[in-house]
Protein backbone atom coordinates (compact mmCIF):
# COMPACT_ATOMS: atom_id res chain seq x y z
CA MET A 1 -34.14 -7.91 16.20
CA VAL A 2 -37.17 -5.88 14.14
CA HIS A 3 -41.14 -5.92 14.92
CA ALA A 4 -42.73 -5.95 11.84
CA GLN A 5 -46.06 -6.22 10.48
CA ARG A 6 -45.47 -10.00 9.74
CA GLY A 7 -43.92 -10.62 12.85
CA VAL A 8 -40.66 -10.93 14.27
CA VAL A 9 -37.88 -10.40 11.61
CA ALA A 10 -33.72 -10.18 12.21
CA ASP A 11 -31.19 -7.29 10.97
CA GLY A 12 -27.62 -7.63 10.31
CA VAL A 13 -27.17 -6.84 14.02
CA LEU A 14 -28.97 -9.54 14.94
CA LEU A 15 -27.33 -11.69 12.58
CA THR A 16 -24.01 -10.67 14.20
CA ASN A 17 -25.45 -11.34 17.61
CA TRP A 18 -26.30 -14.85 16.54
CA ALA A 19 -23.06 -15.40 15.49
CA ARG A 20 -21.22 -14.24 18.56
CA ARG A 21 -23.86 -16.57 21.07
CA ALA A 22 -22.68 -19.38 18.62
CA VAL A 23 -19.04 -18.78 19.00
CA ASP A 24 -19.92 -18.64 22.74
CA ARG A 25 -22.20 -21.79 23.15
CA LEU A 26 -19.61 -24.00 21.07
CA GLU A 27 -16.70 -22.69 23.20
CA PHE A 28 -18.49 -23.67 26.14
CA ARG A 29 -19.46 -26.80 24.83
CA ARG A 30 -16.90 -27.61 22.45
CA GLY A 31 -15.45 -30.09 25.78
CA GLU A 32 -18.63 -32.18 24.94
CA ILE A 33 -18.34 -32.36 21.53
CA ASN A 34 -14.94 -33.67 21.40
CA SER A 35 -15.31 -36.06 24.07
CA LEU A 36 -15.88 -38.95 22.55
CA ASN A 37 -15.05 -39.98 19.13
CA VAL A 38 -16.03 -43.17 17.03
CA PHE A 39 -15.42 -42.30 13.58
CA PRO A 40 -13.54 -41.42 11.42
CA ILE A 41 -10.56 -41.12 13.12
CA PRO A 42 -9.86 -41.42 16.97
CA ASP A 43 -8.83 -38.01 18.37
CA SER A 44 -12.06 -35.99 17.69
CA ASP A 45 -11.84 -32.45 17.13
CA THR A 46 -15.45 -31.51 15.64
CA GLY A 47 -15.95 -29.21 18.58
CA THR A 48 -12.64 -27.32 17.83
CA ASN A 49 -13.28 -27.47 14.34
CA LEU A 50 -17.05 -26.03 14.44
CA LEU A 51 -15.88 -23.19 16.89
CA PHE A 52 -12.93 -21.84 14.42
CA THR A 53 -14.92 -21.96 11.41
CA MET A 54 -17.92 -19.60 13.46
CA ARG A 55 -15.27 -17.42 14.69
CA ALA A 56 -13.58 -16.97 11.45
CA ALA A 57 -17.41 -16.19 10.46
CA LEU A 58 -17.69 -13.24 12.83
CA ASP A 59 -14.41 -12.02 12.43
CA ALA A 60 -15.50 -11.32 9.01
CA ALA A 61 -18.21 -9.82 10.05
CA GLU A 62 -17.04 -7.57 12.67
CA SER A 63 -14.68 -6.43 10.04
CA LEU A 64 -17.36 -4.54 8.14
CA ASP A 65 -16.48 -0.87 8.69
CA ASP A 66 -19.62 0.72 8.23
CA ASP A 67 -23.20 0.06 8.54
CA MET A 68 -23.94 -3.72 9.67
CA SER A 69 -27.86 -2.89 9.71
CA SER A 70 -28.32 -5.10 6.64
CA ALA A 71 -28.94 -8.72 6.98
CA GLY A 72 -27.72 -9.57 3.50
CA ARG A 73 -24.62 -7.37 3.62
CA VAL A 74 -23.78 -9.40 7.15
CA ALA A 75 -24.76 -12.95 5.52
CA ASN A 76 -22.35 -12.30 3.05
CA ALA A 77 -19.38 -11.22 5.18
CA LEU A 78 -20.44 -14.58 7.58
CA ALA A 79 -20.36 -17.07 4.71
CA ARG A 80 -16.88 -15.54 2.90
CA GLY A 81 -15.27 -15.74 6.63
CA ALA A 82 -16.50 -19.23 7.24
CA VAL A 83 -15.58 -20.69 3.77
CA ALA A 84 -12.35 -19.15 4.02
CA GLY A 85 -11.78 -20.26 7.66
CA ALA A 86 -13.69 -23.64 7.72
CA ARG A 87 -11.64 -26.37 9.63
CA GLY A 88 -12.59 -30.24 9.48
CA ASN A 89 -15.21 -31.88 7.62
CA SER A 90 -17.65 -30.45 9.74
CA GLY A 91 -16.69 -26.56 9.56
CA VAL A 92 -16.63 -27.07 5.63
CA ILE A 93 -20.38 -28.06 6.35
CA LEU A 94 -20.99 -25.12 8.50
CA SER A 95 -19.63 -22.86 6.29
CA GLN A 96 -22.34 -23.88 3.64
CA VAL A 97 -25.21 -23.48 6.16
CA ILE A 98 -23.81 -20.15 6.60
CA ARG A 99 -23.45 -19.86 3.07
CA GLY A 100 -27.11 -20.82 2.24
CA PHE A 101 -28.21 -17.66 4.22
CA ALA A 102 -26.07 -15.66 1.74
CA GLU A 103 -27.46 -17.27 -1.21
CA VAL A 104 -30.93 -16.37 0.00
CA VAL A 105 -31.06 -13.24 2.27
CA ARG A 106 -30.84 -10.18 -0.24
CA GLY A 107 -32.47 -7.42 1.48
CA ASP A 108 -32.10 -5.70 4.86
CA VAL A 109 -34.44 -8.21 7.16
CA LEU A 110 -34.60 -11.85 7.48
CA ASP A 111 -38.18 -13.40 8.07
CA GLY A 112 -39.32 -16.53 9.04
CA ARG A 113 -40.08 -17.34 5.15
CA ILE A 114 -36.48 -16.39 3.93
CA PHE A 115 -34.80 -18.24 6.98
CA ALA A 116 -36.70 -21.52 6.01
CA ASP A 117 -35.76 -21.02 2.25
CA ALA A 118 -32.04 -20.39 3.66
CA LEU A 119 -32.03 -23.73 5.40
CA SER A 120 -33.00 -25.50 2.38
CA ALA A 121 -30.52 -23.76 0.34
CA ALA A 122 -28.10 -24.98 3.15
CA THR A 123 -29.03 -28.26 2.56
CA GLY A 124 -28.47 -28.49 -1.24
CA LEU A 125 -25.03 -26.79 -0.57
CA ALA A 126 -24.31 -29.11 1.72
CA THR A 127 -25.57 -32.50 0.10
CA ARG A 128 -23.83 -31.22 -3.35
CA ALA A 129 -20.28 -30.81 -1.69
CA VAL A 130 -20.36 -34.19 -0.01
CA THR A 131 -18.88 -36.88 -2.18
CA ASP A 132 -20.30 -39.89 -0.18
CA LEU A 133 -23.63 -38.86 1.38
CA VAL A 134 -24.83 -40.98 4.02
CA GLU A 135 -27.76 -40.77 6.85
CA GLY A 136 -27.16 -40.07 10.74
CA THR A 137 -24.57 -36.94 10.18
CA ILE A 138 -24.75 -33.31 10.37
CA VAL A 139 -26.15 -33.48 6.97
CA THR A 140 -29.27 -35.54 8.00
CA VAL A 141 -30.01 -32.72 10.80
CA LEU A 142 -29.70 -30.01 8.79
CA ARG A 143 -32.38 -31.65 6.08
CA SER A 144 -35.03 -31.97 9.06
CA SER A 145 -34.46 -28.88 10.33
CA GLY A 146 -35.08 -27.01 6.93
CA GLU A 147 -38.22 -29.42 6.15
CA ALA A 148 -39.74 -28.50 9.61
CA ALA A 149 -38.86 -24.72 8.81
CA GLN A 150 -40.71 -25.01 5.36
CA SER A 151 -43.83 -26.84 7.36
CA CYS A 152 -43.97 -24.07 9.49
CA VAL A 153 -44.25 -21.58 7.02
CA ARG A 154 -46.65 -23.40 4.92
CA THR A 155 -49.08 -23.88 8.12
CA GLN A 156 -48.93 -21.44 10.60
CA THR A 157 -49.53 -18.60 8.12
CA PRO A 158 -49.68 -15.87 9.09
CA SER A 159 -47.63 -16.31 11.76
CA GLY A 160 -45.44 -18.52 9.26
CA GLU A 161 -43.41 -15.34 8.33
CA ASP A 162 -42.74 -14.69 12.30
CA LEU A 163 -39.13 -15.40 12.50
CA GLU A 164 -38.90 -16.73 15.87
CA VAL A 165 -41.64 -19.30 15.79
CA VAL A 166 -39.97 -20.89 12.45
CA VAL A 167 -36.48 -20.90 14.24
CA ARG A 168 -37.81 -22.27 16.97
CA ALA A 169 -39.81 -25.45 14.96
CA ALA A 170 -36.58 -25.64 13.26
CA ALA A 171 -34.18 -25.91 16.12
CA ASP A 172 -36.50 -28.63 17.99
CA ALA A 173 -36.49 -30.82 14.56
CA ALA A 174 -32.87 -30.59 14.36
CA ALA A 175 -32.69 -31.87 18.11
CA VAL A 176 -34.98 -34.51 17.56
CA ALA A 177 -32.99 -35.55 14.16
CA LEU A 178 -29.62 -35.30 16.18
CA ASP A 179 -31.04 -37.97 18.94
CA ARG A 180 -32.35 -40.56 15.67
CA THR A 181 -28.58 -40.48 14.36
CA PRO A 182 -27.78 -43.42 16.16
CA GLY A 183 -30.44 -45.48 14.34
CA GLN A 184 -29.04 -44.25 10.99
CA LEU A 185 -25.43 -44.83 11.47
CA GLU A 186 -24.64 -48.25 13.11
CA VAL A 187 -20.93 -46.86 14.52
CA LEU A 188 -23.04 -44.51 16.14
CA ALA A 189 -25.38 -47.09 17.75
CA SER A 190 -22.83 -49.49 18.74
CA SER A 191 -21.25 -46.88 20.58
CA GLY A 192 -24.46 -45.42 22.21
CA VAL A 193 -23.75 -41.72 20.36
CA VAL A 194 -25.05 -39.33 18.54
CA ASP A 195 -23.22 -37.39 15.64
CA ALA A 196 -20.95 -34.59 16.61
CA GLY A 197 -21.43 -32.28 13.82
CA GLY A 198 -25.11 -32.70 14.32
CA PHE A 199 -24.95 -31.64 17.85
CA GLY A 200 -23.20 -28.30 17.25
CA LEU A 201 -25.60 -27.71 14.38
CA VAL A 202 -28.34 -27.90 17.42
CA VAL A 203 -26.28 -26.08 19.21
CA ILE A 204 -25.85 -23.14 16.49
CA LEU A 205 -29.60 -23.21 16.00
CA ASP A 206 -30.41 -22.80 19.66
CA ALA A 207 -28.05 -19.88 19.90
CA LEU A 208 -30.24 -18.00 17.07
CA VAL A 209 -33.12 -18.74 19.42
CA GLU A 210 -31.14 -17.14 22.25
CA ALA A 211 -30.58 -14.05 20.21
CA LEU A 212 -34.00 -13.49 19.10
CA THR A 213 -35.33 -14.45 22.90
CA GLY A 214 -32.77 -13.70 25.14
CA ALA A 215 -33.10 -17.25 26.34
CA SER A 216 -30.46 -18.74 28.00
CA ASP A 217 -29.27 -22.63 26.97
CA PRO A 218 -32.67 -23.35 26.00
CA ARG A 219 -31.47 -27.22 25.57
CA PRO A 220 -29.27 -27.84 28.75
CA GLY A 221 -29.80 -31.39 28.87
CA LEU A 222 -28.28 -32.13 25.45
CA GLY A 223 -25.44 -34.68 25.19
CA VAL A 224 -25.43 -36.16 27.90
CA VAL A 225 -23.20 -38.94 28.79
CA ALA A 226 -24.44 -42.77 28.34
CA GLY A 227 -22.94 -46.19 27.73
CA PRO A 228 -23.12 -48.30 24.52
CA GLY A 229 -26.55 -49.32 23.22
CA VAL A 230 -28.50 -46.99 25.21
CA THR A 231 -31.63 -45.89 23.27
CA ASP A 232 -33.14 -43.33 25.62
CA SER A 233 -33.22 -39.95 23.85
CA SER A 234 -31.79 -38.18 27.11
CA THR A 235 -28.78 -40.31 27.05
CA ARG A 236 -26.69 -39.85 24.29
CA VAL A 237 -23.25 -38.73 24.20
CA VAL A 238 -21.17 -36.80 21.32
CA ALA A 239 -19.50 -38.66 18.35
CA GLY A 240 -16.71 -37.03 16.64
CA GLY A 241 -16.69 -37.39 13.05
CA GLY A 242 -17.48 -35.78 9.78
CA ALA A 243 -20.58 -35.73 7.11
CA GLU A 244 -20.08 -38.46 5.07
CA CYS A 245 -18.33 -41.21 6.45
CA GLY A 246 -20.15 -44.30 7.54
CA ASP A 247 -16.89 -46.28 8.73
CA HIS A 248 -13.63 -45.69 10.56
CA SER A 249 -11.00 -43.74 8.13
CA GLU A 250 -8.07 -45.71 7.07
CA GLN A 251 -6.42 -42.72 5.77
CA ASP A 252 -3.34 -41.11 7.39
CA PHE A 253 -3.86 -37.52 6.92
CA GLU A 254 -6.35 -34.50 6.74
CA VAL A 255 -5.69 -32.06 3.92
CA MET A 256 -7.61 -28.70 3.15
CA TYR A 257 -6.58 -25.94 1.24
CA LEU A 258 -8.31 -22.85 -0.47
CA VAL A 259 -8.59 -22.59 -4.35
CA ASP A 260 -9.02 -19.18 -6.24
CA GLY A 261 -8.97 -18.81 -10.13
CA SER A 262 -10.80 -21.93 -11.19
CA ASP A 263 -14.25 -22.74 -12.57
CA GLU A 264 -17.10 -25.48 -11.87
CA ALA A 265 -15.76 -27.79 -14.20
CA ARG A 266 -12.02 -27.92 -12.88
CA MET A 267 -13.39 -28.23 -9.37
CA ALA A 268 -15.67 -31.19 -10.43
CA SER A 269 -12.48 -32.64 -11.87
CA LEU A 270 -10.44 -32.15 -8.47
CA ARG A 271 -12.95 -33.81 -6.79
CA HIS A 272 -13.21 -36.84 -8.73
CA ARG A 273 -9.29 -36.97 -8.50
CA LEU A 274 -9.35 -36.73 -4.78
CA ALA A 275 -12.58 -39.15 -4.36
CA GLY A 276 -9.77 -41.64 -5.79
CA LEU A 277 -7.12 -40.75 -3.47
CA GLY A 278 -9.40 -41.18 -0.31
CA ASP A 279 -12.31 -40.60 1.07
CA SER A 280 -14.21 -37.62 3.41
CA THR A 281 -13.83 -35.43 0.10
CA VAL A 282 -15.65 -32.14 0.57
CA ILE A 283 -15.38 -29.34 -1.77
CA VAL A 284 -17.80 -25.94 -0.97
CA GLY A 285 -17.17 -22.46 -2.87
CA ASP A 286 -18.14 -19.02 -1.01
CA GLY A 287 -19.99 -18.04 -3.97
CA HIS A 288 -17.34 -15.57 -4.67
CA GLY A 289 -14.90 -17.63 -6.93
CA GLY A 290 -13.35 -19.31 -3.87
CA TRP A 291 -13.49 -22.98 -3.00
CA SER A 292 -12.49 -24.66 0.41
CA VAL A 293 -11.05 -28.29 -0.43
CA HIS A 294 -11.01 -31.01 2.46
CA VAL A 295 -10.13 -34.67 2.16
CA HIS A 296 -8.86 -37.67 4.16
CA CYS A 297 -6.19 -39.50 2.34
CA CYS A 298 -2.53 -41.32 2.68
CA ASP A 299 -0.88 -39.19 0.02
CA ALA A 300 -0.92 -35.61 1.26
CA GLY A 301 1.50 -34.38 -1.36
CA ALA A 302 -0.93 -35.95 -4.26
CA ALA A 303 -3.66 -34.45 -2.68
CA VAL A 304 -2.10 -30.83 -2.95
CA GLU A 305 -0.59 -31.49 -6.44
CA ALA A 306 -4.34 -32.17 -7.76
CA GLY A 307 -5.56 -28.91 -6.67
CA LEU A 308 -2.42 -27.14 -8.32
CA GLU A 309 -3.81 -28.33 -11.25
CA ALA A 310 -7.11 -26.49 -10.57
CA GLY A 311 -6.35 -22.93 -9.71
CA ARG A 312 -4.29 -21.24 -7.07
CA VAL A 313 -3.86 -22.79 -4.08
CA HIS A 314 -3.08 -21.26 -0.41
CA GLY A 315 -4.18 -21.82 2.85
CA ILE A 316 -2.93 -25.50 3.22
CA ARG A 317 -3.40 -27.33 6.23
CA ILE A 318 -1.94 -30.92 6.71
CA SER A 319 -2.87 -33.08 9.80
CA SER A 320 -1.66 -36.79 10.78
CA PHE A 321 -4.01 -38.87 12.19
CA LEU A 322 -1.49 -41.29 13.58
CA VAL A 323 1.74 -41.23 15.79
CA ASP A 324 4.95 -40.64 12.96
CA GLU A 325 7.29 -43.49 12.71
CA ARG A 326 9.98 -40.72 15.03
CA ASP A 327 7.44 -40.91 17.85
CA LYS A 328 7.01 -44.47 17.52
CA ARG A 329 10.90 -44.67 17.41
CA VAL A 330 11.22 -42.99 20.43
CA ALA A 331 8.76 -44.84 22.43
CA ARG A 332 10.70 -48.28 21.26
CA ALA A 333 14.09 -46.45 22.74
CA GLU A 334 12.31 -45.49 25.78
CA ARG A 335 11.20 -48.99 26.29
CA ARG A 336 14.45 -50.12 25.89
CA LEU A 337 15.71 -47.93 28.51
CA THR A 338 13.25 -48.24 31.23
CA GLY A 339 12.04 -52.09 30.80
CA ASP A 340 8.33 -53.03 30.89
CA ARG A 341 7.50 -49.23 32.56
CA ALA A 342 7.83 -47.46 29.42
CA ARG A 343 8.29 -43.65 29.95
CA GLY A 344 7.86 -40.81 27.33
CA VAL A 345 8.08 -37.20 27.04
CA LEU A 346 5.06 -35.48 25.06
CA ALA A 347 5.41 -31.83 24.83
CA ILE A 348 2.97 -29.36 22.97
CA VAL A 349 5.10 -27.23 20.32
CA ALA A 350 4.39 -24.99 17.78
CA GLY A 351 6.93 -24.24 14.76
CA ASP A 352 9.10 -26.28 12.43
CA GLY A 353 12.09 -25.81 13.95
CA ALA A 354 10.71 -26.06 17.34
CA ALA A 355 9.07 -29.28 16.65
CA GLU A 356 12.67 -30.52 15.24
CA LEU A 357 14.48 -29.42 17.95
CA TYR A 358 12.30 -31.20 20.61
CA ALA A 359 12.47 -34.31 18.14
CA SER A 360 15.96 -34.61 18.41
CA GLU A 361 15.93 -34.27 21.98
CA GLY A 362 13.87 -37.58 22.20
CA ALA A 363 10.22 -35.72 23.02
CA ILE A 364 7.35 -36.87 21.31
CA VAL A 365 5.52 -33.60 19.71
CA LEU A 366 2.07 -32.69 19.48
CA ARG A 367 1.75 -29.21 17.22
CA CYS A 368 -0.50 -26.34 18.01
CA ASP A 369 0.48 -24.09 15.22
CA GLU A 370 -3.06 -24.18 13.27
CA SER A 371 -5.44 -24.45 16.22
CA PRO A 372 -5.54 -24.93 19.64
CA VAL A 373 -4.96 -28.12 21.46
CA THR A 374 -7.74 -29.22 22.97
CA ARG A 375 -8.12 -31.66 26.33
CA GLY A 376 -9.40 -34.21 24.53
CA GLN A 377 -6.75 -33.96 21.71
CA LEU A 378 -3.90 -34.11 24.47
CA LEU A 379 -5.78 -37.07 26.24
CA GLY A 380 -5.94 -39.02 23.00
CA ARG A 381 -2.39 -38.56 22.01
CA ILE A 382 -1.33 -39.63 25.43
CA ARG A 383 -3.82 -42.68 25.31
CA GLN A 384 -2.17 -43.40 21.69
CA LEU A 385 1.33 -43.35 22.84
CA GLU A 386 0.54 -46.91 24.92
CA LEU A 387 3.38 -45.93 27.37
CA SER A 388 2.78 -46.81 31.20
CA GLU A 389 4.38 -43.26 32.36
CA VAL A 390 3.98 -40.16 30.40
CA LEU A 391 5.99 -36.85 31.23
CA VAL A 392 3.89 -33.57 29.53
CA LEU A 393 5.12 -30.51 28.48
CA PRO A 394 2.34 -28.39 28.05
CA ASN A 395 4.21 -25.05 27.36
CA GLY A 396 1.51 -22.76 28.10
CA ALA A 397 -1.08 -24.40 25.63
CA LEU A 398 -3.73 -25.46 28.34
CA SER A 399 -4.93 -23.72 30.89
CA ALA A 400 -4.38 -25.14 34.38
CA GLN A 401 -7.92 -26.52 34.90
CA GLU A 402 -7.70 -28.30 31.73
CA LEU A 403 -4.51 -29.49 32.69
CA VAL A 404 -5.94 -30.89 35.83
CA ALA A 405 -8.90 -32.44 33.76
CA VAL A 406 -6.34 -34.22 31.70
CA SER A 407 -4.28 -35.76 34.25
CA ALA A 408 -7.37 -37.07 35.86
CA ALA A 409 -8.89 -38.65 32.98
CA ALA A 410 -5.47 -39.93 31.84
CA ARG A 411 -4.62 -41.86 35.36
CA ASP A 412 -5.23 -45.21 36.25
CA ASP A 413 -3.98 -48.45 37.78
CA VAL A 414 -1.22 -49.18 35.11
CA HIS A 415 -0.64 -45.48 33.53
CA GLN A 416 1.12 -42.74 35.53
CA VAL A 417 0.93 -39.24 33.88
CA LEU A 418 2.41 -36.28 35.19
CA LEU A 419 1.82 -32.65 33.44
CA LEU A 420 5.19 -30.29 34.37
CA SER A 421 4.52 -26.60 34.80
CA THR A 422 5.99 -25.17 31.60
CA SER A 423 4.69 -22.20 30.57
CA SER A 424 6.59 -21.86 27.41
CA MET A 425 8.82 -23.80 24.89
CA VAL A 426 12.22 -22.53 26.30
CA GLN A 427 11.02 -23.56 29.90
CA GLY A 428 9.94 -27.12 28.15
CA LEU A 429 13.34 -27.02 26.64
CA ALA A 430 15.01 -26.50 29.63
CA ALA A 431 13.23 -29.04 31.69
CA LEU A 432 13.94 -31.67 28.76
CA ALA A 433 17.72 -30.96 29.04
CA VAL A 434 17.33 -32.82 32.44
CA HIS A 435 15.50 -35.57 31.46
CA ASP A 436 16.67 -39.02 32.64
CA GLY A 437 14.39 -42.07 31.97
CA ARG A 438 16.62 -44.18 34.56
CA ARG A 439 15.57 -42.26 37.20
CA ASN A 440 11.96 -43.22 38.93
CA VAL A 441 9.44 -40.91 37.26
CA ALA A 442 8.53 -38.84 40.31
CA ASP A 443 12.17 -37.49 40.26
CA ASP A 444 12.53 -37.32 36.73
CA GLY A 445 9.31 -35.01 36.99
CA PHE A 446 10.48 -33.25 39.83
CA THR A 447 14.00 -32.59 38.65
CA MET A 448 12.42 -31.23 35.08
CA SER A 449 9.94 -28.96 36.95
CA GLU A 450 12.58 -27.77 39.05
CA ALA A 451 14.82 -26.50 35.80
CA ALA A 452 11.69 -24.89 34.06
CA ALA A 453 10.96 -23.37 37.41
CA GLY A 454 14.67 -21.88 37.33
CA THR A 455 14.18 -20.86 33.62
CA ARG A 456 13.20 -17.04 33.61
CA TRP A 457 11.45 -16.50 30.00
CA GLY A 458 10.15 -13.73 27.89
CA SER A 459 9.28 -12.85 24.35
CA LEU A 460 9.07 -10.09 21.98
CA ARG A 461 5.98 -9.62 19.88
CA ILE A 462 4.63 -7.11 17.25
CA ALA A 463 1.27 -5.15 18.38
CA ALA A 464 -1.57 -5.60 16.34
CA GLU A 465 -3.54 -3.09 17.76
CA ARG A 466 -3.35 0.34 20.16
CA SER A 467 -3.83 -0.84 23.44
CA LEU A 468 -2.86 0.04 27.47
CA THR A 469 -0.79 -1.69 29.18
CA TYR A 470 1.37 -1.60 32.77
CA VAL A 471 4.00 0.09 31.17
CA GLY A 472 2.30 2.70 28.75
CA THR A 473 0.27 2.40 25.75
CA CYS A 474 1.44 0.67 22.55
CA ASP A 475 0.40 1.41 19.34
CA PRO A 476 0.23 -0.91 16.20
CA GLY A 477 3.23 -2.09 14.74
CA ASP A 478 5.14 -1.44 17.98
CA ALA A 479 7.58 -3.96 19.48
CA ILE A 480 6.19 -5.36 22.97
CA GLY A 481 8.43 -7.01 25.07
CA LEU A 482 7.50 -9.40 28.01
CA MET A 483 8.50 -11.15 30.95
CA GLY A 484 6.37 -14.16 31.67
CA HIS A 485 2.73 -12.93 30.33
CA GLU A 486 3.56 -9.10 31.64
CA VAL A 487 4.56 -6.32 29.28
CA VAL A 488 7.80 -4.97 30.51
CA VAL A 489 8.79 -2.71 27.29
CA ILE A 490 7.55 -1.04 24.57
CA GLY A 491 9.37 0.54 21.90
CA PRO A 492 9.06 1.58 18.10
CA ASP A 493 12.03 -0.09 17.20
CA VAL A 494 12.53 -4.18 17.11
CA VAL A 495 16.36 -4.28 17.83
CA ALA A 496 16.34 -1.51 20.38
CA THR A 497 13.67 -2.75 22.34
CA SER A 498 14.88 -6.52 22.08
CA ALA A 499 17.70 -5.42 23.48
CA ARG A 500 16.15 -3.26 26.68
CA LEU A 501 13.97 -6.87 26.97
CA ILE A 502 17.53 -8.52 27.40
CA ASP A 503 18.87 -6.12 29.56
CA LEU A 504 15.84 -6.62 31.97
CA ALA A 505 16.03 -10.61 31.86
CA LEU A 506 19.68 -10.57 32.82
CA GLY A 507 19.14 -7.85 35.70
CA SER A 508 18.83 -10.60 38.72
CA GLY A 509 21.78 -12.60 37.16
CA GLY A 510 21.93 -15.57 34.49
CA GLU A 511 24.57 -17.44 32.75
CA LEU A 512 22.78 -18.70 29.54
CA VAL A 513 20.33 -17.16 27.37
CA THR A 514 18.26 -19.48 24.99
CA LEU A 515 16.93 -17.80 21.96
CA LEU A 516 13.80 -19.45 20.20
CA MET A 517 13.41 -17.41 17.29
CA GLY A 518 9.75 -17.25 15.35
CA GLU A 519 8.48 -17.36 11.77
CA GLU A 520 8.34 -13.51 11.48
CA ALA A 521 11.59 -12.49 13.41
CA PRO A 522 13.80 -10.18 10.95
CA HIS A 523 17.00 -11.25 9.61
CA GLY A 524 19.77 -10.32 11.30
CA LEU A 525 18.09 -9.96 15.12
CA SER A 526 19.76 -13.05 16.35
CA GLU A 527 23.30 -11.44 15.84
CA SER A 528 22.16 -8.24 16.82
CA ILE A 529 21.10 -9.86 20.26
CA ARG A 530 24.31 -11.82 20.53
CA GLY A 531 26.42 -8.36 20.08
CA HIS A 532 24.36 -6.57 22.70
CA VAL A 533 25.05 -9.69 24.98
CA ALA A 534 28.56 -9.86 24.57
CA ALA A 535 29.00 -5.93 25.10
CA ARG A 536 26.94 -5.28 28.04
CA HIS A 537 26.85 -8.59 29.53
CA PRO A 538 29.89 -10.64 29.63
CA GLY A 539 30.51 -13.92 30.86
CA VAL A 540 26.87 -14.76 29.55
CA ASP A 541 26.59 -17.23 26.90
CA VAL A 542 23.83 -17.23 24.02
CA LEU A 543 22.33 -20.35 22.23
CA VAL A 544 19.99 -19.45 19.21
CA TYR A 545 17.61 -21.89 17.74
CA ARG A 546 15.21 -21.48 14.68
CA GLY A 547 11.80 -22.20 16.23
CA GLY A 548 9.51 -20.89 13.41
CA GLN A 549 6.56 -20.22 15.55
CA PRO A 550 3.78 -17.89 14.98
CA GLY A 551 3.21 -14.98 17.04
CA ASP A 552 6.48 -14.30 18.66
CA LEU A 553 9.66 -12.96 17.20
CA PHE A 554 11.57 -14.77 19.74
CA GLN A 555 11.31 -16.72 23.00
CA LEU A 556 14.01 -16.27 25.61
CA GLY A 557 14.90 -18.19 28.43
CA VAL A 558 17.35 -17.26 31.30
CA GLU A 559 19.13 -19.61 32.99
């Protein structure tokens, strides 16, 4: 922050600090934002999408390799990161809010007048990005904040250029506009909620107030839960959803991808085609020749093919809003097996191969490849299954506190939910192997937990940066072997380090080694491990599966 003759202004350092505070605040309030969904899909992840988008923006700014004092330079980095890393409807809109700053902030500092112009530019970008705009969404809240900022600049001269004064006015106006969203969108009013994306925008603007003033959580009462039909401004809850859907979506997939090597005409044609395929169509640019595309549709393949005609498509992400047919067949099979008290096993899994493996064993799969699974998503999937008994294999995807919260929220007089202590996918496979739906659910859960606890597990990955561990210093590119969550071996050679990790894992005995090979495992690594076990540990069997999970070259389990 800089004090100039025209009042408080911001430089690039303060903008970066704003992004950090916004990430922290979104992380803290993500559960609130995700807590209740009324449209357009039942498993709201608006808070998670906003968090991922803001984190991508921050990463881009922090990757600048030299002077970060220029507000214009940092604003451009934030915008590029946000557009490339945008998640979901609300994340795409947020990327345009940040791009508005990049469009307007040209110099080294940001004052109140420039901030107001940036919000106006952001409103224009967001409005043009949305195909079917309705009131009562994040765009409505954004527009109100921009109008308040411009009014402040006009009426508060000379203090109108003081950034702190203008930001406070914008944030306060956003909060007021957020409270009005139920009166603008019937689906919000009938549920007694406010818009989730708008809520997130208020959190982000408040983070800028914090960065400027040092105040902590200037609006702690935002988002208090209430029942349907409540009109008091202090008792609204958050609604999941995007910026343009005024009703529940009937689409099956959310499709997102990035497009390079295109132009305005081809992107306009793509928008028209996607609008014919589905709804929630949002296409935004980064100002440097790249576009981010978002649509809800029933034919994900057609949506991607349309993008291929517009330019070079990459970063494709497809999420299903529904329990797939395989999961439904599994649920029906469980009903036939166990009678009225239908039971299912829900596993959190990363990697195509791992997902297929779990599904082939009868589990219902919740993927966590592209984004972390939230409490709200897990709870929503449990309820979506409509099973009276659910055994959950979290596989290390959520913390113990989050699992306790999900378990408490999911149980009632007719539903029994057991969250088993599986810290990895190989432990989950061990538990799934002994699952028997004919047993009492408590006995089944106990047996599965025992199998997981009896499986020692480890993993091998490649170090991304230099760091100090309990067994020494690792350099970027080193192979790191872990048992559980502790580093136990480091080495420059993947094959040699894998062999040492296997020796340590089998040091206290074992009859079976299960390998779940990751997406980036080098060719021939599994065969090398097989040969090492055969030579050094005769009598030990090795099972190898293609997991395809990101991050780990492989996970191993010893039984």
